Amino acid sequence: MSNMHAFTALSWRWSAILMGAISVSSAWASDEELPLFLSLSQSMTRDSNLLRDDANRKQDYISITSLSGGINKAYGRQNYRLTAEASHHDYKHNSQYNNDGYALSGSADSELGSDFKLSVSGASSRFLPNFENQTDRSVRNIQTNKQYVADLRYGLYGRWSTNATVSRTETRYNFATWDNKTSVVRAVGLRFMPSDLVYFGTSLSRSDTDVPNRVLVGVAAVGEKIERTSLGFNTYWVVTGFSRLSGSLAVTNENHPADKRRNFKGVTGSAAWNYTPGGKMSYALTWVRNTSNEGGQTLGQNINADSVFSTNNRLTNTFTGSARWQATAKVGVNAAYTHALYQEDYGVGTAVALTNSSVNGRYNGLSLGVSYQPIRSVDLGCDAQRYDRTRSTFSRAYSGNALTCRASFTID
């Protein structure tokens, strides 16, 4: 397709969606009691290493057109929220990855009596995951997620409160079906708030993950069930009117009954600091320490014999810093830096003899962007990114640049 034809097709797509948005907004505008919004956005990205693989570098231009809407309505002591987004992704040189995605979410909160609050929510999404997280990057591996959550809290206005949460998450792939999984999480928590500026909490959670199609080396049965228990402590502190701190630490025990070499016992957690010294500048720092891929992965050549295998136990530490400068009422500038450390305990051998070693990798990402909002309903912006990751036992090395420009129109 020529550039002129591509521009004409994109113009027709924008015109059709925009006319639909205007007609819908006119119908909604007559009902002033319903807080609704409708947003149309378009982004264009040039990525110098689409597949995140230095051995197979592919440059491409990605166009994403999105239409989203939502409602947020309170009725007395109840609140209802519903959001929906549909998107179309076009790859100029790699059309095999073209896809349509969506994201749906809804929730309802209700206060029961003077001390109880019940919250239920659900979400569903469909998208093409990052190529970095895919083993076979030559195919379009669409990921579909579903999640359901129910939370009951007791103690809404006092210093003490407690809650119980149950959630279920389903992840499915159209190609990599061996990674399909279902997780059920149950948690209870206790919180103490000595003042409006600080609280301390503790929680106990248990998750059970079923990966029915996973093949483990040296294990006769197909499938894996993963058990994870965490005892955590968390806090939130408004230090001053400009500074806020939050953090959590947990003692985590992750058990893989079918392959105990992948078990994990250690500390996980996170921390965040937000600082806004004035009306124009704001800063943020975050740290996250957690296992990935349910604690590890077992690979090998012969799945039916006790032959050579490799196993790893993954732990990731991610540090992120960001700053934003609101230069004028309409112009903003933002910068962010991410540094991640990947620890991979790697073993090679047989069930009788195993040789262990530790191979670490790291990731660096730097981005700089500018946004412009000429009027309340229009948002424009561009972001430039530089990224690179070193090779490790279970990850390929890659580096590259990406430039994204976007425009959105919102009616609310």
Protein backbone atom coordinates (compact mmCIF):
# COMPACT_ATOMS: atom_id res chain seq x y z
CA MET A 1 0.00 0.00 0.00
CA SER A 2 1.40 3.42 -0.98
CA ASN A 3 1.84 6.20 1.56
CA MET A 4 -1.04 8.15 -0.02
CA HIS A 5 -3.36 5.13 0.13
CA ALA A 6 -2.35 4.46 3.73
CA PHE A 7 -3.04 8.10 4.63
CA THR A 8 -6.43 8.00 2.90
CA ALA A 9 -7.44 4.77 4.67
CA LEU A 10 -6.35 6.19 8.03
CA SER A 11 -8.27 9.42 7.38
CA TRP A 12 -11.45 7.49 6.55
CA ARG A 13 -11.02 5.38 9.71
CA TRP A 14 -10.59 8.46 11.89
CA SER A 15 -13.56 10.23 10.26
CA ALA A 16 -15.89 7.28 10.75
CA ILE A 17 -14.93 6.75 14.38
CA LEU A 18 -14.98 10.47 15.16
CA MET A 19 -18.48 10.91 13.69
CA GLY A 20 -19.63 7.94 15.77
CA ALA A 21 -18.05 9.45 18.88
CA ILE A 22 -19.76 12.80 18.30
CA SER A 23 -23.17 11.17 17.76
CA VAL A 24 -22.82 8.99 20.86
CA SER A 25 -21.63 11.90 22.98
CA SER A 26 -24.61 13.98 21.86
CA ALA A 27 -26.96 11.23 22.96
CA TRP A 28 -25.19 10.93 26.34
CA ALA A 29 -24.97 14.68 26.90
CA SER A 30 -28.72 14.86 27.51
CA ASP A 31 -28.33 12.77 30.67
CA GLU A 32 -26.29 15.00 32.98
CA GLU A 33 -26.50 12.53 35.87
CA LEU A 34 -24.35 9.90 34.16
CA PRO A 35 -20.58 10.55 34.34
CA LEU A 36 -19.55 9.07 30.99
CA PHE A 37 -16.48 9.48 28.81
CA LEU A 38 -15.51 8.50 25.28
CA SER A 39 -11.97 8.67 23.93
CA LEU A 40 -10.42 8.15 20.50
CA SER A 41 -6.63 7.80 20.20
CA GLN A 42 -4.06 7.15 17.50
CA SER A 43 -0.35 6.38 17.95
CA MET A 44 2.52 5.70 15.55
CA THR A 45 5.72 3.95 16.68
CA ARG A 46 9.01 3.33 14.94
CA ASP A 47 10.91 0.49 16.64
CA SER A 48 14.45 -0.44 15.54
CA ASN A 49 14.37 -3.94 17.13
CA LEU A 50 10.77 -5.14 17.07
CA LEU A 51 11.45 -8.76 18.10
CA ARG A 52 13.88 -7.83 20.90
CA ASP A 53 16.59 -10.04 19.40
CA ASP A 54 19.98 -8.73 18.21
CA ALA A 55 20.49 -11.87 16.12
CA ASN A 56 17.29 -11.19 14.16
CA ARG A 57 16.82 -7.43 14.13
CA LYS A 58 13.63 -6.20 12.46
CA GLN A 59 12.69 -2.54 12.16
CA ASP A 60 9.01 -1.71 11.86
CA TYR A 61 6.34 0.98 12.09
CA ILE A 62 3.34 0.18 14.30
CA SER A 63 0.01 1.99 14.10
CA ILE A 64 -2.46 1.63 16.98
CA THR A 65 -6.01 2.99 16.77
CA SER A 66 -8.06 2.80 19.98
CA LEU A 67 -11.60 3.68 21.00
CA SER A 68 -12.47 3.59 24.69
CA GLY A 69 -15.38 4.57 26.92
CA GLY A 70 -16.59 4.19 30.45
CA ILE A 71 -19.02 5.04 33.19
CA ASN A 72 -18.51 5.74 36.90
CA LYS A 73 -21.73 6.19 38.86
CA ALA A 74 -22.54 6.33 42.58
CA TYR A 75 -25.96 5.46 43.99
CA GLY A 76 -26.08 6.27 47.69
CA ARG A 77 -23.57 3.94 49.37
CA GLN A 78 -22.92 1.97 46.18
CA ASN A 79 -20.59 2.72 43.29
CA TYR A 80 -20.44 1.14 39.83
CA ARG A 81 -17.65 1.41 37.24
CA LEU A 82 -17.44 0.04 33.72
CA THR A 83 -14.74 0.66 31.09
CA ALA A 84 -14.18 -0.78 27.62
CA GLU A 85 -11.51 -0.34 24.98
CA ALA A 86 -11.11 -1.72 21.46
CA SER A 87 -7.86 -1.36 19.49
CA HIS A 88 -6.44 -2.23 16.10
CA HIS A 89 -2.68 -2.83 15.64
CA ASP A 90 -1.01 -2.55 12.22
CA TYR A 91 2.62 -3.57 11.52
CA LYS A 92 3.89 -2.06 8.25
CA HIS A 93 6.63 -4.63 7.44
CA ASN A 94 5.45 -7.58 9.55
CA SER A 95 1.74 -7.86 8.83
CA GLN A 96 1.61 -11.36 10.33
CA TYR A 97 1.48 -9.65 13.73
CA ASN A 98 -1.55 -7.46 12.90
CA ASN A 99 -4.22 -7.95 15.54
CA ASP A 100 -7.33 -6.56 17.19
CA GLY A 101 -7.33 -6.21 20.95
CA TYR A 102 -9.76 -5.29 23.67
CA ALA A 103 -9.92 -4.61 27.39
CA LEU A 104 -13.08 -4.78 29.50
CA SER A 105 -13.40 -4.16 33.22
CA GLY A 106 -16.22 -3.61 35.68
CA SER A 107 -16.58 -3.30 39.45
CA ALA A 108 -19.19 -2.64 42.09
CA ASP A 109 -18.71 -1.46 45.69
CA SER A 110 -21.38 -1.49 48.39
CA GLU A 111 -21.24 -0.53 52.06
CA LEU A 112 -23.15 -2.95 54.26
CA GLY A 113 -24.30 -1.55 57.58
CA SER A 114 -21.83 0.79 59.27
CA ASP A 115 -18.70 -1.38 59.25
CA PHE A 116 -18.65 -3.64 56.15
CA LYS A 117 -17.79 -2.98 52.52
CA LEU A 118 -18.10 -5.56 49.73
CA SER A 119 -16.24 -5.07 46.43
CA VAL A 120 -16.51 -7.32 43.38
CA SER A 121 -14.79 -6.84 40.03
CA GLY A 122 -14.07 -8.59 36.78
CA ALA A 123 -11.84 -7.95 33.78
CA SER A 124 -11.09 -9.48 30.40
CA SER A 125 -8.42 -8.55 27.83
CA ARG A 126 -6.93 -9.74 24.56
CA PHE A 127 -3.55 -8.52 23.23
CA LEU A 128 -0.22 -9.47 21.69
CA PRO A 129 2.32 -9.70 24.55
CA ASN A 130 5.81 -8.20 24.40
CA PHE A 131 8.11 -10.15 22.09
CA GLU A 132 10.71 -10.22 24.87
CA ASN A 133 8.44 -12.62 26.80
CA GLN A 134 7.97 -15.08 23.93
CA THR A 135 10.13 -18.09 23.09
CA ASP A 136 8.99 -18.43 19.44
CA ARG A 137 8.79 -14.89 18.05
CA SER A 138 7.98 -15.90 14.48
CA VAL A 139 4.28 -16.42 15.21
CA ARG A 140 1.43 -14.25 16.48
CA ASN A 141 0.93 -15.54 20.01
CA ILE A 142 -2.25 -13.80 21.22
CA GLN A 143 -2.79 -13.71 25.00
CA THR A 144 -6.27 -13.64 26.57
CA ASN A 145 -6.76 -12.90 30.27
CA LYS A 146 -9.77 -13.11 32.57
CA GLN A 147 -9.85 -12.11 36.23
CA TYR A 148 -12.49 -12.13 38.97
CA VAL A 149 -11.99 -10.58 42.43
CA ALA A 150 -14.14 -10.36 45.57
CA ASP A 151 -13.07 -8.43 48.69
CA LEU A 152 -14.89 -8.01 52.02
CA ARG A 153 -13.60 -5.38 54.46
CA TYR A 154 -14.61 -4.82 58.09
CA GLY A 155 -13.84 -1.53 59.83
CA LEU A 156 -14.33 1.42 57.52
CA TYR A 157 -13.85 4.46 59.70
CA GLY A 158 -11.92 3.30 62.78
CA ARG A 159 -8.21 2.80 63.40
CA TRP A 160 -8.38 -0.97 62.83
CA SER A 161 -9.70 -2.81 59.78
CA THR A 162 -9.47 -6.30 58.35
CA ASN A 163 -10.27 -7.79 54.97
CA ALA A 164 -10.52 -11.10 53.09
CA THR A 165 -9.93 -11.42 49.34
CA VAL A 166 -10.47 -14.20 46.80
CA SER A 167 -9.40 -13.91 43.15
CA ARG A 168 -9.19 -16.14 40.08
CA THR A 169 -7.07 -15.41 37.02
CA GLU A 170 -7.10 -17.31 33.72
CA THR A 171 -4.38 -16.88 31.05
CA ARG A 172 -4.67 -18.47 27.62
CA TYR A 173 -2.53 -18.37 24.43
CA ASN A 174 -3.59 -19.26 20.90
CA PHE A 175 -0.11 -20.67 20.08
CA ALA A 176 1.96 -21.28 23.25
CA THR A 177 -0.72 -23.41 24.89
CA TRP A 178 1.92 -25.01 27.15
CA ASP A 179 1.91 -21.72 29.10
CA ASN A 180 -1.86 -21.69 29.70
CA LYS A 181 -2.55 -21.36 33.41
CA THR A 182 -5.19 -20.71 36.04
CA SER A 183 -4.40 -19.12 39.42
CA VAL A 184 -6.56 -18.87 42.53
CA VAL A 185 -5.44 -16.53 45.32
CA ARG A 186 -6.86 -16.31 48.85
CA ALA A 187 -5.65 -13.61 51.26
CA VAL A 188 -6.50 -12.06 54.62
CA GLY A 189 -5.15 -8.77 55.92
CA LEU A 190 -5.10 -6.54 59.01
CA ARG A 191 -4.48 -2.78 58.99
CA PHE A 192 -3.81 -0.25 61.78
CA MET A 193 -4.14 3.49 61.05
CA PRO A 194 -2.92 5.57 64.02
CA SER A 195 -3.60 8.79 62.07
CA ASP A 196 -4.81 9.99 58.70
CA LEU A 197 -1.17 10.25 57.56
CA VAL A 198 0.09 6.70 58.15
CA TYR A 199 -1.00 3.08 58.32
CA PHE A 200 0.66 -0.28 58.98
CA GLY A 201 -0.63 -3.61 57.71
CA THR A 202 0.06 -7.31 57.53
CA SER A 203 -1.30 -9.97 55.20
CA LEU A 204 -1.18 -13.70 54.59
CA SER A 205 -1.81 -15.01 51.08
CA ARG A 206 -1.88 -18.39 49.39
CA SER A 207 -1.98 -18.92 45.62
CA ASP A 208 -2.44 -22.16 43.68
CA THR A 209 -1.48 -22.11 40.01
CA ASP A 210 -2.36 -24.89 37.57
CA VAL A 211 -0.33 -25.17 34.33
CA PRO A 212 -2.00 -28.24 32.76
CA ASN A 213 -0.01 -28.45 29.51
CA ARG A 214 3.52 -27.86 30.80
CA VAL A 215 6.05 -30.62 30.06
CA LEU A 216 8.80 -31.04 32.66
CA VAL A 217 12.07 -32.75 31.86
CA GLY A 218 12.47 -36.06 33.67
CA VAL A 219 8.85 -36.03 34.89
CA ALA A 220 6.48 -38.62 33.43
CA ALA A 221 3.22 -36.74 34.00
CA VAL A 222 2.28 -33.66 31.94
CA GLY A 223 1.23 -30.56 33.86
CA GLU A 224 2.34 -28.69 36.94
CA LYS A 225 0.71 -27.27 40.05
CA ILE A 226 2.52 -24.46 41.86
CA GLU A 227 1.88 -23.46 45.47
CA ARG A 228 2.95 -20.06 46.82
CA THR A 229 2.53 -18.68 50.36
CA SER A 230 3.51 -15.17 51.44
CA LEU A 231 3.46 -13.43 54.82
CA GLY A 232 3.77 -9.72 54.19
CA PHE A 233 4.04 -6.41 55.98
CA ASN A 234 3.16 -3.08 54.36
CA THR A 235 2.96 0.61 55.21
CA TYR A 236 1.98 3.98 53.77
CA TRP A 237 3.23 7.29 55.19
CA VAL A 238 2.47 10.87 54.20
CA VAL A 239 5.79 12.35 55.35
CA THR A 240 4.89 15.93 54.41
CA GLY A 241 2.45 17.59 52.08
CA PHE A 242 5.04 17.07 49.33
CA SER A 243 6.40 13.59 50.11
CA ARG A 244 4.76 10.15 50.34
CA LEU A 245 6.35 6.76 51.08
CA SER A 246 4.93 3.26 50.69
CA GLY A 247 6.46 -0.19 50.93
CA SER A 248 5.94 -3.89 51.52
CA LEU A 249 8.11 -6.88 52.44
CA ALA A 250 7.06 -10.52 52.37
CA VAL A 251 8.55 -13.86 53.31
CA THR A 252 7.68 -15.97 50.27
CA ASN A 253 7.71 -19.75 49.88
CA GLU A 254 7.07 -21.00 46.34
CA ASN A 255 6.76 -24.76 45.98
CA HIS A 256 6.94 -26.79 42.74
CA PRO A 257 5.97 -30.35 43.77
CA ALA A 258 6.76 -31.86 40.34
CA ASP A 259 10.24 -30.29 40.13
CA LYS A 260 11.56 -29.26 43.53
CA ARG A 261 14.74 -27.85 41.98
CA ARG A 262 12.63 -24.83 41.04
CA ASN A 263 11.42 -24.07 44.58
CA PHE A 264 11.98 -20.57 45.90
CA LYS A 265 12.30 -19.36 49.49
CA GLY A 266 13.20 -15.75 50.15
CA VAL A 267 12.13 -12.16 50.54
CA THR A 268 9.99 -10.31 48.00
CA GLY A 269 8.65 -6.80 48.21
CA SER A 270 8.35 -3.29 46.81
CA ALA A 271 8.83 0.35 47.79
CA ALA A 272 7.79 3.69 46.31
CA TRP A 273 8.51 7.35 47.01
CA ASN A 274 6.62 10.26 45.43
CA TYR A 275 7.84 13.83 45.88
CA THR A 276 6.08 16.94 44.58
CA PRO A 277 7.92 20.00 45.89
CA GLY A 278 5.94 22.50 43.83
CA GLY A 279 3.29 22.92 41.20
CA LYS A 280 5.62 22.31 38.25
CA MET A 281 7.92 19.43 39.28
CA SER A 282 7.22 15.92 40.54
CA TYR A 283 9.51 12.92 41.12
CA ALA A 284 8.98 9.20 41.76
CA LEU A 285 11.20 6.25 42.71
CA THR A 286 10.12 2.60 42.83
CA TRP A 287 11.70 -0.76 43.62
CA VAL A 288 10.13 -4.20 43.03
CA ARG A 289 11.63 -7.57 43.98
CA ASN A 290 9.73 -10.68 42.89
CA THR A 291 9.96 -14.06 41.21
CA SER A 292 8.95 -14.42 37.56
CA ASN A 293 7.61 -17.32 35.51
CA GLU A 294 6.35 -18.90 38.73
CA GLY A 295 9.90 -19.12 40.03
CA GLY A 296 11.69 -20.84 37.17
CA GLN A 297 11.56 -23.01 34.08
CA THR A 298 12.79 -26.50 33.21
CA LEU A 299 14.07 -27.15 29.68
CA GLY A 300 15.72 -30.09 27.94
CA GLN A 301 16.07 -32.23 24.81
CA ASN A 302 14.57 -35.54 25.95
CA ILE A 303 11.29 -35.27 27.84
CA ASN A 304 10.85 -39.03 28.22
CA ALA A 305 14.14 -39.96 29.89
CA ASP A 306 16.24 -38.90 32.86
CA SER A 307 18.83 -37.32 30.59
CA VAL A 308 20.43 -33.89 30.43
CA PHE A 309 18.19 -31.09 31.65
CA SER A 310 18.53 -27.50 32.71
CA THR A 311 16.58 -25.75 35.42
CA ASN A 312 16.59 -22.21 36.75
CA ASN A 313 15.13 -20.13 39.54
CA ARG A 314 14.40 -16.55 38.51
CA LEU A 315 14.40 -13.50 40.78
CA THR A 316 14.06 -9.98 39.43
CA ASN A 317 14.91 -6.64 41.06
CA THR A 318 13.56 -3.61 39.17
CA PHE A 319 14.41 0.03 39.96
CA THR A 320 12.59 2.92 38.27
CA GLY A 321 13.02 6.68 38.58
CA SER A 322 10.90 9.31 36.85
CA ALA A 323 10.44 13.07 36.79
CA ARG A 324 7.86 15.38 35.25
CA TRP A 325 8.07 19.10 34.58
CA GLN A 326 4.83 20.94 33.86
CA ALA A 327 6.45 23.73 31.88
CA THR A 328 3.18 25.55 31.19
CA ALA A 329 -0.51 24.84 31.64
CA LYS A 330 -0.45 23.09 28.26
CA VAL A 331 3.09 21.67 27.92
CA GLY A 332 4.66 18.92 30.04
CA VAL A 333 8.04 17.16 29.87
CA ASN A 334 8.71 13.74 31.40
CA ALA A 335 11.76 11.48 31.77
CA ALA A 336 12.12 7.95 33.15
CA TYR A 337 14.92 5.44 33.74
CA THR A 338 14.52 1.72 34.49
CA HIS A 339 17.24 -0.68 35.66
CA ALA A 340 16.44 -4.38 36.18
CA LEU A 341 18.62 -7.20 37.50
CA TYR A 342 17.75 -10.82 36.61
CA GLN A 343 19.12 -13.59 38.78
CA GLU A 344 19.03 -17.07 37.25
CA ASP A 345 20.26 -20.06 39.25
CA TYR A 346 21.11 -22.57 36.54
CA GLY A 347 21.69 -26.30 36.85
CA VAL A 348 22.76 -28.93 34.30
CA GLY A 349 22.99 -32.68 34.80
CA THR A 350 20.82 -35.70 35.57
CA ALA A 351 18.56 -36.54 38.46
CA VAL A 352 21.60 -38.12 40.15
CA ALA A 353 24.22 -35.41 39.61
CA LEU A 354 23.50 -31.69 39.23
CA THR A 355 25.97 -28.86 38.65
CA ASN A 356 24.77 -25.42 39.73
CA SER A 357 25.85 -21.96 38.65
CA SER A 358 24.41 -18.44 38.79
CA VAL A 359 24.01 -16.31 35.66
CA ASN A 360 22.78 -12.74 36.00
CA GLY A 361 21.42 -10.39 33.34
CA ARG A 362 20.43 -6.74 33.37
CA TYR A 363 18.13 -4.34 31.52
CA ASN A 364 18.41 -0.56 31.06
CA GLY A 365 15.70 1.65 29.63
CA LEU A 366 15.69 5.43 29.23
CA SER A 367 12.80 7.50 27.90
CA LEU A 368 12.14 11.21 27.32
CA GLY A 369 8.83 12.67 26.25
CA VAL A 370 6.82 15.83 25.78
CA SER A 371 3.04 16.32 25.90
CA TYR A 372 0.86 19.17 24.65
CA GLN A 373 -2.79 19.74 25.57
CA PRO A 374 -4.07 22.71 23.55
CA ILE A 375 -7.62 22.24 24.86
CA ARG A 376 -9.11 20.01 27.56
CA SER A 377 -10.36 17.34 25.14
CA VAL A 378 -7.21 17.03 22.99
CA ASP A 379 -3.89 15.50 24.10
CA LEU A 380 -0.79 15.28 21.89
CA GLY A 381 2.66 13.93 22.64
CA CYS A 382 5.85 12.12 21.60
CA ASP A 383 8.20 9.81 23.54
CA ALA A 384 11.69 8.60 22.61
CA GLN A 385 13.11 5.46 24.22
CA ARG A 386 16.50 3.74 24.34
CA TYR A 387 16.66 0.16 25.67
CA ASP A 388 19.18 -2.67 25.99
CA ARG A 389 19.39 -6.03 27.75
CA THR A 390 22.36 -8.35 28.20
CA ARG A 391 22.23 -12.03 27.30
CA SER A 392 21.63 -14.49 30.14
CA THR A 393 20.94 -18.20 30.32
CA PHE A 394 17.27 -17.93 29.40
CA SER A 395 17.14 -14.56 27.62
CA ARG A 396 18.50 -13.16 24.38
CA ALA A 397 20.54 -9.95 24.17
CA TYR A 398 18.94 -6.98 22.47
CA SER A 399 19.16 -3.21 22.18
CA GLY A 400 17.36 -0.56 20.18
CA ASN A 401 15.44 2.68 19.96
CA ALA A 402 11.75 3.50 19.72
CA LEU A 403 9.91 6.72 18.92
CA THR A 404 6.16 7.01 19.57
CA CYS A 405 3.86 9.92 18.74
CA ARG A 406 0.21 9.95 19.81
CA ALA A 407 -2.96 11.98 19.66
CA SER A 408 -6.20 11.53 21.58
CA PHE A 409 -9.62 13.17 21.64
CA THR A 410 -11.80 12.73 24.74
CA ILE A 411 -15.43 13.62 25.37
CA ASP A 412 -16.58 13.62 29.00
